[in-house]
Amino acid sequence: MTYALETLDSAVEAVQQESPMVRMRRVAENIAAKTATKVDRDGIFPIDTFQALKKERLLGVAIPVEFGGEGLDMMAISNLIIELAQACGSSAMIYAMHQIKVAAIVSHGIKTEWYHAFMRRICDEQLLMGSATTEAGIGGDLRNSTCAVEVTDGRYRMTKEATCISYGDYCDAILATCRRSPQSASSDQVMIAVPKEHYTLEKTSDWDTMGMRGTCSNGYILKCEGDAEEVFPQPFSEIAAQSMLAATHIYWSAIWFGIASDAIRRAQAFVKASVKRNPTFTPPGALRLADAVARLQELKGNLISAIRHNEAVVENEDALSSMHYATEINTLKVSSSNTANEVVRMALLITGIAGYKNHTPFSVARHYRDLASGPIMINNDRVSSNTATLLLMSRFNAQLEA
C-alpha cells in the first residue's frame, strides 16, 4: 500500500511539473476542440474532456497548497476558463461552475475540519462539483429557497425539487442551497456540500436547449442525508456576497470572452482568406472586424478590472459585502454577456454564409447559440433590477482606483 501511495504521489508530481496553462491547452486542443461539435450536436456531457481534465489534475488547482491543490488565484483560473472556452463552450461552463463552487469551499470552509478533509478529497480524487441553487417555484432567484434542511442528533436531511442541477448525472458532489430550518424565512438560507454517496437524484426534466447543450443540466428531485458538518457554518447570504457572486460573474464573463475570442479568430481567418484570394481588394468585413475587436477589447478590460478589484478586497469582508462592490460585479455580468453576444453577431456578419453554416472552418453557429445563454443565466433584467435598487442607496464611485 505504501508503494502504491508513493507511486501516486510521483505521478501527481510529474503532472504538476508542467504549468496549469500548459496542461489546460493540451486538453483544449487535443480533446475539447475535437469533440465540441459532437457534444453540441448530440447534447451529451463532454466526458472525454473531463476525463482528461482529471488526468491533468486541473479540478483542484484553486485549492490551497496545504490541502493538496496549487493555490491558483482568480486571474489564473479565469485564464484557464478562457482557454477551454475557445475550444468548447459547454466544457468551459462546466469547468467554471465547478470552480465557482470550489471558490465557496475555499473561502468559507477553511475553518472547519470537515471541509479541510473535503478539499483534500477534491484534489486526491479530482471530484467534480455540481450546483443545485434553482428550485421549482423560485426559478433563478438564488437568494430564496422553498426547501429546508432538518438537523437532528448531528445528522441532516433535505429534499429539493431543483429545476436544474448542473451536469447532475456526472458530478461527484453537489452544493445545494435551502432554508436553514422548516421555520425559517425563504431568504434565511444555508448551503450544503453533499458528496455523491450522500444523495440520490430522480430526474424530472431533460436539458434539450438552444445552446450550452453539453452541460446536461436536467431537472431533478434531490434527496440527501449526511453529517451535519456538511452544512456550511456561515449563512448563504455571506457566502453569496463574499465569494459566489464575484466568482460567478467573473468566471462566466471569462467563458463569454473566450467564446467570443474564438468567433473573432474565425472571422479574422475569413477576412485573411478573402485578402489572399484578391490582394488588391479590401473585403467589406475588414472594417467590421476592427470594430468587433474593439468591442472584445472592452470586454477584456472590464474583466481584468473586475478581477484586480476582487484581488484587492478579497480579504475585506465588508468591502465584498458592500453595495458598491455588488453593483460593480452585477454590471460586469450584464455588460459582458451583452457585449459577447454583440461580438459574435458581428463575427457572423463578417463571415456570412460560411459562418452561418455548421461545419465550415469559419462557422460561429455554436458560438452564437452558446452565448445566447449569457443574458438569461440569472436573467439580465433581474440583475439590472437589483442593481437599480442598489444605486438608489449608494453613490457611484468615480475614482479610477478603489
Protein backbone atom coordinates (compact mmCIF):
# COMPACT_ATOMS: atom_id res chain seq x y z
CA MET A 1 0.00 0.00 0.00
CA THR A 2 2.85 2.37 0.82
CA TYR A 3 4.40 1.66 -2.57
CA ALA A 4 1.08 2.43 -4.29
CA LEU A 5 0.75 5.76 -2.46
CA GLU A 6 4.33 6.71 -3.31
CA THR A 7 3.67 5.81 -6.96
CA LEU A 8 0.55 8.00 -6.96
CA ASP A 9 2.43 10.90 -5.37
CA SER A 10 5.15 10.58 -8.00
CA ALA A 11 2.57 10.61 -10.79
CA VAL A 12 0.92 13.73 -9.35
CA GLU A 13 4.26 15.50 -9.04
CA ALA A 14 5.14 14.60 -12.62
CA VAL A 15 1.89 16.15 -13.91
CA GLN A 16 2.24 19.26 -11.77
CA GLN A 17 5.76 19.96 -13.00
CA GLU A 18 4.06 21.49 -16.03
CA SER A 19 2.11 24.71 -15.57
CA PRO A 20 -1.69 24.51 -15.33
CA MET A 21 -1.98 26.50 -18.57
CA VAL A 22 0.19 24.04 -20.48
CA ARG A 23 -1.97 21.19 -19.19
CA MET A 24 -5.21 23.02 -20.00
CA ARG A 25 -4.03 23.88 -23.50
CA ARG A 26 -3.28 20.21 -24.09
CA VAL A 27 -6.83 19.26 -23.06
CA ALA A 28 -8.42 22.10 -25.02
CA GLU A 29 -6.57 21.46 -28.27
CA ASN A 30 -6.38 17.68 -28.24
CA ILE A 31 -9.74 16.76 -26.71
CA ALA A 32 -12.25 19.57 -26.19
CA ALA A 33 -11.91 21.21 -29.61
CA LYS A 34 -12.15 17.87 -31.39
CA THR A 35 -15.28 16.73 -29.52
CA ALA A 36 -17.11 20.09 -29.25
CA THR A 37 -19.23 19.54 -32.37
CA LYS A 38 -20.45 16.12 -31.19
CA VAL A 39 -21.10 17.40 -27.66
CA ASP A 40 -23.19 20.24 -29.09
CA ARG A 41 -24.98 18.26 -31.80
CA ASP A 42 -25.95 15.34 -29.56
CA GLY A 43 -26.39 17.29 -26.33
CA ILE A 44 -24.02 14.99 -24.44
CA PHE A 45 -21.74 15.61 -21.48
CA PRO A 46 -18.11 16.16 -22.60
CA ILE A 47 -16.90 13.04 -20.84
CA ASP A 48 -13.61 12.76 -22.73
CA THR A 49 -12.70 16.34 -21.87
CA PHE A 50 -13.39 15.86 -18.18
CA GLN A 51 -11.53 12.59 -18.02
CA ALA A 52 -8.58 14.48 -19.48
CA LEU A 53 -9.03 17.39 -17.03
CA LYS A 54 -8.97 14.93 -14.15
CA LYS A 55 -5.91 13.17 -15.57
CA GLU A 56 -4.17 16.55 -15.83
CA ARG A 57 -5.27 17.28 -12.24
CA LEU A 58 -6.96 20.55 -13.19
CA LEU A 59 -10.03 20.28 -10.93
CA GLY A 60 -8.22 21.07 -7.67
CA VAL A 61 -5.88 23.83 -8.86
CA ALA A 62 -7.67 26.61 -6.92
CA ILE A 63 -7.46 24.77 -3.60
CA PRO A 64 -4.65 25.90 -1.26
CA VAL A 65 -1.37 24.01 -1.46
CA GLU A 66 -1.66 22.79 2.13
CA PHE A 67 -4.77 20.81 1.15
CA GLY A 68 -3.29 19.30 -1.99
CA GLY A 69 -4.08 21.98 -4.57
CA GLU A 70 -1.94 24.52 -6.41
CA GLY A 71 -3.37 27.68 -4.88
CA LEU A 72 -4.20 29.42 -8.17
CA ASP A 73 -5.80 32.84 -7.89
CA MET A 74 -8.82 34.21 -9.75
CA MET A 75 -6.79 35.60 -12.65
CA ALA A 76 -5.12 32.23 -13.27
CA ILE A 77 -8.41 30.33 -13.06
CA SER A 78 -10.05 32.83 -15.42
CA ASN A 79 -7.28 32.28 -17.97
CA LEU A 80 -7.80 28.51 -17.78
CA ILE A 81 -11.53 29.00 -18.39
CA ILE A 82 -10.84 31.29 -21.36
CA GLU A 83 -8.50 28.71 -22.89
CA LEU A 84 -11.12 25.96 -22.59
CA ALA A 85 -13.96 28.22 -23.78
CA GLN A 86 -12.18 28.83 -27.08
CA ALA A 87 -12.41 25.08 -27.72
CA CYS A 88 -15.83 24.16 -26.26
CA GLY A 89 -18.34 26.44 -24.57
CA SER A 90 -20.16 23.65 -22.71
CA SER A 91 -16.90 22.26 -21.30
CA ALA A 92 -15.86 25.74 -20.15
CA MET A 93 -19.23 26.35 -18.49
CA ILE A 94 -18.98 23.08 -16.56
CA TYR A 95 -15.40 23.83 -15.54
CA ALA A 96 -16.34 27.37 -14.48
CA MET A 97 -19.33 26.16 -12.45
CA HIS A 98 -17.03 23.70 -10.70
CA GLN A 99 -14.54 26.47 -9.90
CA ILE A 100 -17.32 28.73 -8.57
CA LYS A 101 -18.22 26.02 -6.05
CA VAL A 102 -14.58 25.43 -5.18
CA ALA A 103 -14.21 29.17 -4.54
CA ALA A 104 -17.04 29.00 -1.99
CA ILE A 105 -15.46 25.99 -0.30
CA VAL A 106 -12.02 27.60 -0.12
CA SER A 107 -13.39 30.92 1.16
CA HIS A 108 -15.92 29.63 3.67
CA GLY A 109 -14.87 26.10 4.58
CA ILE A 110 -11.34 26.99 5.53
CA LYS A 111 -12.06 27.00 9.29
CA THR A 112 -13.71 23.58 9.61
CA GLU A 113 -12.05 20.17 9.76
CA TRP A 114 -14.70 18.50 7.61
CA TYR A 115 -14.06 20.96 4.78
CA HIS A 116 -10.29 20.57 5.18
CA ALA A 117 -10.73 16.87 4.53
CA PHE A 118 -13.18 17.56 1.70
CA MET A 119 -10.71 19.87 -0.05
CA ARG A 120 -8.05 17.16 0.17
CA ARG A 121 -10.54 14.73 -1.28
CA ILE A 122 -11.35 17.08 -4.19
CA CYS A 123 -7.65 17.16 -5.04
CA ASP A 124 -6.88 13.49 -4.42
CA GLU A 125 -9.94 12.15 -6.29
CA GLN A 126 -10.36 15.10 -8.69
CA LEU A 127 -14.02 15.46 -7.70
CA LEU A 128 -16.31 17.48 -9.97
CA MET A 129 -18.56 19.89 -8.03
CA GLY A 130 -22.16 20.38 -9.21
CA SER A 131 -24.71 23.03 -8.26
CA ALA A 132 -28.33 22.94 -7.07
CA THR A 133 -29.36 26.54 -6.42
CA THR A 134 -32.52 26.79 -8.55
CA GLU A 135 -35.85 25.42 -7.36
CA ALA A 136 -39.39 24.87 -8.56
CA GLY A 137 -41.48 27.92 -7.70
CA ILE A 138 -38.37 30.06 -7.17
CA GLY A 139 -36.68 29.78 -10.56
CA GLY A 140 -33.37 31.59 -10.86
CA ASP A 141 -33.75 33.59 -7.64
CA LEU A 142 -30.54 32.47 -5.96
CA ARG A 143 -31.34 34.19 -2.70
CA ASN A 144 -34.60 32.41 -1.88
CA SER A 145 -35.45 28.77 -1.16
CA THR A 146 -38.60 26.77 -0.51
CA CYS A 147 -36.96 23.55 0.69
CA ALA A 148 -35.42 23.35 4.16
CA VAL A 149 -32.79 21.30 5.94
CA GLU A 150 -33.68 19.40 9.08
CA VAL A 151 -30.88 18.66 11.57
CA THR A 152 -31.29 16.05 14.31
CA ASP A 153 -28.59 14.50 16.51
CA GLY A 154 -25.73 15.67 14.32
CA ARG A 155 -27.34 14.47 11.07
CA TYR A 156 -29.19 16.43 8.40
CA ARG A 157 -31.85 15.58 5.87
CA MET A 158 -33.06 17.68 2.91
CA THR A 159 -35.21 17.23 -0.21
CA LYS A 160 -35.15 19.76 -3.05
CA GLU A 161 -37.10 19.94 -6.30
CA ALA A 162 -34.40 21.54 -8.46
CA THR A 163 -35.40 22.88 -11.86
CA CYS A 164 -31.86 22.14 -13.00
CA ILE A 165 -28.73 20.68 -11.44
CA SER A 166 -25.59 21.41 -13.37
CA TYR A 167 -24.40 18.17 -15.05
CA GLY A 168 -26.20 16.31 -12.27
CA ASP A 169 -25.63 12.80 -13.63
CA TYR A 170 -21.88 13.37 -13.90
CA CYS A 171 -20.80 15.38 -10.85
CA ASP A 172 -19.16 13.84 -7.79
CA ALA A 173 -20.70 16.20 -5.23
CA ILE A 174 -23.41 18.86 -5.22
CA LEU A 175 -23.53 22.20 -3.42
CA ALA A 176 -27.18 22.84 -2.65
CA THR A 177 -28.99 25.78 -1.08
CA CYS A 178 -32.01 25.54 1.22
CA ARG A 179 -33.69 27.25 4.16
CA ARG A 180 -31.88 26.94 7.48
CA SER A 181 -34.87 25.14 9.04
CA PRO A 182 -38.54 24.42 8.23
CA GLN A 183 -39.45 27.51 10.30
CA SER A 184 -37.01 29.84 8.52
CA ALA A 185 -37.88 32.56 6.04
CA SER A 186 -37.21 31.86 2.36
CA SER A 187 -34.17 34.16 2.42
CA ASP A 188 -32.66 32.60 5.59
CA GLN A 189 -30.56 30.08 3.70
CA VAL A 190 -27.63 27.75 4.18
CA MET A 191 -25.57 25.78 1.69
CA ILE A 192 -24.61 22.12 1.95
CA ALA A 193 -21.75 20.29 0.24
CA VAL A 194 -23.16 16.83 -0.43
CA PRO A 195 -20.81 14.05 -1.61
CA LYS A 196 -22.24 11.63 -4.15
CA GLU A 197 -22.62 8.84 -1.63
CA HIS A 198 -24.97 11.01 0.45
CA TYR A 199 -27.61 11.88 -2.17
CA THR A 200 -29.97 10.42 -4.73
CA LEU A 201 -31.34 12.07 -7.88
CA GLU A 202 -34.71 11.48 -9.53
CA LYS A 203 -34.81 13.14 -12.95
CA THR A 204 -37.87 15.31 -13.62
CA SER A 205 -36.96 17.11 -16.87
CA ASP A 206 -34.49 16.96 -19.75
CA TRP A 207 -31.94 19.54 -20.87
CA ASP A 208 -32.70 19.98 -24.58
CA THR A 209 -31.65 23.55 -25.22
CA MET A 210 -30.60 26.02 -27.87
CA GLY A 211 -27.03 26.31 -26.60
CA MET A 212 -24.70 25.07 -23.84
CA ARG A 213 -26.17 21.70 -24.71
CA GLY A 214 -23.35 19.66 -23.21
CA THR A 215 -23.91 20.95 -19.68
CA CYS A 216 -26.76 18.42 -19.34
CA SER A 217 -28.40 20.42 -16.54
CA ASN A 218 -31.55 18.33 -16.18
CA GLY A 219 -34.18 18.87 -13.52
CA TYR A 220 -34.12 16.54 -10.50
CA ILE A 221 -35.57 15.84 -7.11
CA LEU A 222 -32.50 15.87 -4.88
CA LYS A 223 -32.69 13.85 -1.66
CA CYS A 224 -29.70 13.99 0.66
CA GLU A 225 -28.79 12.91 4.15
CA GLY A 226 -25.47 13.10 5.95
CA ASP A 227 -23.32 14.51 8.71
CA ALA A 228 -24.35 17.98 9.86
CA GLU A 229 -20.77 19.16 9.31
CA GLU A 230 -21.53 19.16 5.59
CA VAL A 231 -23.69 22.25 6.17
CA PHE A 232 -21.60 25.41 5.83
CA PRO A 233 -21.36 27.24 9.17
CA GLN A 234 -21.92 30.65 7.56
CA PRO A 235 -25.32 31.78 6.25
CA PHE A 236 -25.64 31.56 2.49
CA SER A 237 -26.13 35.33 2.33
CA GLU A 238 -22.49 35.75 3.36
CA ILE A 239 -21.25 33.03 1.01
CA ALA A 240 -23.14 34.59 -1.92
CA ALA A 241 -21.94 38.13 -1.23
CA GLN A 242 -18.34 37.37 -0.31
CA SER A 243 -17.35 34.66 -2.79
CA MET A 244 -20.03 33.22 -5.08
CA LEU A 245 -21.31 36.48 -6.56
CA ALA A 246 -17.87 37.60 -7.75
CA ALA A 247 -16.70 34.14 -8.78
CA THR A 248 -19.91 33.51 -10.74
CA HIS A 249 -19.94 36.73 -12.73
CA ILE A 250 -16.17 36.81 -13.29
CA TYR A 251 -15.87 33.18 -14.37
CA TRP A 252 -18.98 33.39 -16.55
CA SER A 253 -17.55 36.52 -18.15
CA ALA A 254 -14.34 34.59 -18.81
CA ILE A 255 -16.38 31.95 -20.65
CA TRP A 256 -18.15 34.54 -22.78
CA PHE A 257 -14.87 36.29 -23.55
CA GLY A 258 -13.27 33.00 -24.58
CA ILE A 259 -16.16 32.03 -26.87
CA ALA A 260 -16.28 35.50 -28.44
CA SER A 261 -12.49 35.44 -28.89
CA ASP A 262 -12.70 32.23 -30.90
CA ALA A 263 -15.52 33.69 -33.01
CA ILE A 264 -13.29 36.68 -33.80
CA ARG A 265 -10.39 34.35 -34.61
CA ARG A 266 -12.59 32.65 -37.19
CA ALA A 267 -13.80 35.99 -38.56
CA GLN A 268 -10.21 37.18 -38.85
CA ALA A 269 -9.25 33.98 -40.70
CA PHE A 270 -12.17 34.55 -43.08
CA VAL A 271 -11.04 38.12 -43.87
CA LYS A 272 -7.44 36.97 -44.34
CA ALA A 273 -8.59 34.24 -46.75
CA SER A 274 -10.53 36.86 -48.71
CA VAL A 275 -7.45 39.09 -48.96
CA LYS A 276 -5.32 36.16 -50.05
CA ARG A 277 -7.75 35.40 -52.89
CA ASN A 278 -7.77 39.04 -54.03
CA PRO A 279 -4.87 41.09 -52.57
CA THR A 280 -5.95 44.28 -54.39
CA PHE A 281 -9.40 44.34 -52.80
CA THR A 282 -10.23 45.22 -49.18
CA PRO A 283 -13.01 42.87 -48.03
CA PRO A 284 -16.14 44.60 -46.70
CA GLY A 285 -15.77 42.70 -43.44
CA ALA A 286 -12.34 44.16 -42.64
CA LEU A 287 -13.70 47.38 -41.12
CA ARG A 288 -16.35 45.49 -39.18
CA LEU A 289 -13.60 43.19 -37.86
CA ALA A 290 -11.77 46.19 -36.41
CA ASP A 291 -14.98 47.32 -34.68
CA ALA A 292 -15.58 43.81 -33.32
CA VAL A 293 -12.06 43.59 -31.91
CA ALA A 294 -12.56 46.96 -30.21
CA ARG A 295 -15.72 45.65 -28.52
CA LEU A 296 -13.93 42.47 -27.50
CA GLN A 297 -11.13 44.58 -26.01
CA GLU A 298 -13.70 46.44 -23.91
CA LEU A 299 -14.96 43.14 -22.53
CA LYS A 300 -11.40 42.08 -21.75
CA GLY A 301 -10.66 45.36 -19.98
CA ASN A 302 -13.81 45.10 -17.84
CA LEU A 303 -12.95 41.52 -16.91
CA ILE A 304 -9.37 42.36 -15.94
CA SER A 305 -10.58 45.32 -13.88
CA ALA A 306 -13.11 43.19 -12.00
CA ILE A 307 -10.52 40.51 -11.23
CA ARG A 308 -8.00 43.06 -9.96
CA HIS A 309 -10.62 44.74 -7.80
CA ASN A 310 -11.57 41.38 -6.32
CA GLU A 311 -7.93 40.59 -5.58
CA ALA A 312 -7.60 43.96 -3.82
CA VAL A 313 -10.56 43.39 -1.48
CA VAL A 314 -10.65 39.59 -1.20
CA GLU A 315 -9.62 39.69 2.48
CA ASN A 316 -12.03 42.52 3.32
CA GLU A 317 -15.44 41.06 4.14
CA ASP A 318 -17.03 44.50 4.48
CA ALA A 319 -15.86 45.56 1.03
CA LEU A 320 -17.02 42.29 -0.54
CA SER A 321 -20.46 42.71 1.04
CA SER A 322 -20.78 46.40 0.10
CA MET A 323 -23.42 47.78 -2.25
CA HIS A 324 -20.70 49.39 -4.36
CA TYR A 325 -18.99 46.05 -4.96
CA ALA A 326 -22.27 44.26 -5.71
CA THR A 327 -23.13 46.99 -8.21
CA GLU A 328 -19.79 46.63 -9.97
CA ILE A 329 -20.00 42.83 -10.23
CA ASN A 330 -23.64 42.91 -11.37
CA THR A 331 -22.71 45.43 -14.05
CA LEU A 332 -19.88 43.16 -15.22
CA LYS A 333 -22.31 40.28 -15.72
CA VAL A 334 -24.80 42.31 -17.76
CA SER A 335 -22.21 44.13 -19.87
CA SER A 336 -20.08 41.03 -20.54
CA SER A 337 -22.99 38.86 -21.66
CA ASN A 338 -24.38 41.61 -23.88
CA THR A 339 -21.01 42.55 -25.37
CA ALA A 340 -20.06 38.95 -26.14
CA ASN A 341 -23.35 38.48 -27.98
CA GLU A 342 -22.73 41.68 -29.91
CA VAL A 343 -19.25 40.49 -30.89
CA VAL A 344 -20.43 37.10 -32.16
CA ARG A 345 -23.19 38.77 -34.18
CA MET A 346 -20.53 40.96 -35.79
CA ALA A 347 -18.43 37.85 -36.48
CA LEU A 348 -21.45 36.31 -38.19
CA LEU A 349 -21.92 39.37 -40.39
CA ILE A 350 -18.22 39.22 -41.34
CA THR A 351 -18.23 35.51 -42.21
CA GLY A 352 -21.68 35.48 -43.83
CA ILE A 353 -22.98 32.12 -45.03
CA ALA A 354 -19.65 30.46 -44.17
CA GLY A 355 -20.18 31.46 -40.54
CA TYR A 356 -23.87 30.62 -40.61
CA LYS A 357 -23.27 27.02 -41.68
CA ASN A 358 -22.47 24.46 -39.02
CA HIS A 359 -19.49 22.63 -40.45
CA THR A 360 -17.15 25.16 -42.06
CA PRO A 361 -13.80 26.38 -40.67
CA PHE A 362 -15.46 29.79 -40.19
CA SER A 363 -18.66 28.60 -38.51
CA VAL A 364 -19.79 30.64 -35.50
CA ALA A 365 -23.18 28.90 -35.17
CA ARG A 366 -22.29 27.08 -31.96
CA HIS A 367 -20.69 30.23 -30.55
CA TYR A 368 -23.86 32.19 -31.35
CA ARG A 369 -26.13 29.68 -29.61
CA ASP A 370 -23.88 29.17 -26.59
CA LEU A 371 -23.56 32.91 -25.99
CA ALA A 372 -27.33 33.34 -26.20
CA SER A 373 -27.47 31.73 -22.74
CA GLY A 374 -25.47 34.56 -21.15
CA PRO A 375 -28.22 37.18 -20.69
CA ILE A 376 -30.71 34.61 -19.32
CA MET A 377 -28.42 32.82 -16.84
CA ILE A 378 -29.67 34.78 -13.84
CA ASN A 379 -31.66 36.95 -16.21
CA ASN A 380 -30.07 40.31 -17.03
CA ASP A 381 -33.38 42.04 -16.29
CA ARG A 382 -33.34 40.57 -12.77
CA VAL A 383 -29.70 41.60 -12.28
CA SER A 384 -30.33 45.12 -13.61
CA SER A 385 -33.37 45.49 -11.36
CA ASN A 386 -31.26 44.54 -8.34
CA THR A 387 -28.54 46.96 -9.45
CA ALA A 388 -31.09 49.76 -9.84
CA THR A 389 -32.20 49.20 -6.24
CA LEU A 390 -28.59 49.30 -5.04
CA LEU A 391 -27.97 52.55 -6.92
CA LEU A 392 -30.85 54.19 -5.09
CA MET A 393 -28.98 53.56 -1.84
CA SER A 394 -25.38 54.23 -2.89
CA ARG A 395 -23.22 56.69 -4.80
CA PHE A 396 -21.29 55.88 -7.97
CA ASN A 397 -17.54 55.69 -7.34
CA ALA A 398 -15.80 57.96 -9.88
CA GLN A 399 -12.27 57.12 -8.72
CA LEU A 400 -10.11 55.07 -11.10
CA GLU A 401 -8.71 53.08 -8.17
CA ALA A 402 -10.85 51.73 -5.36
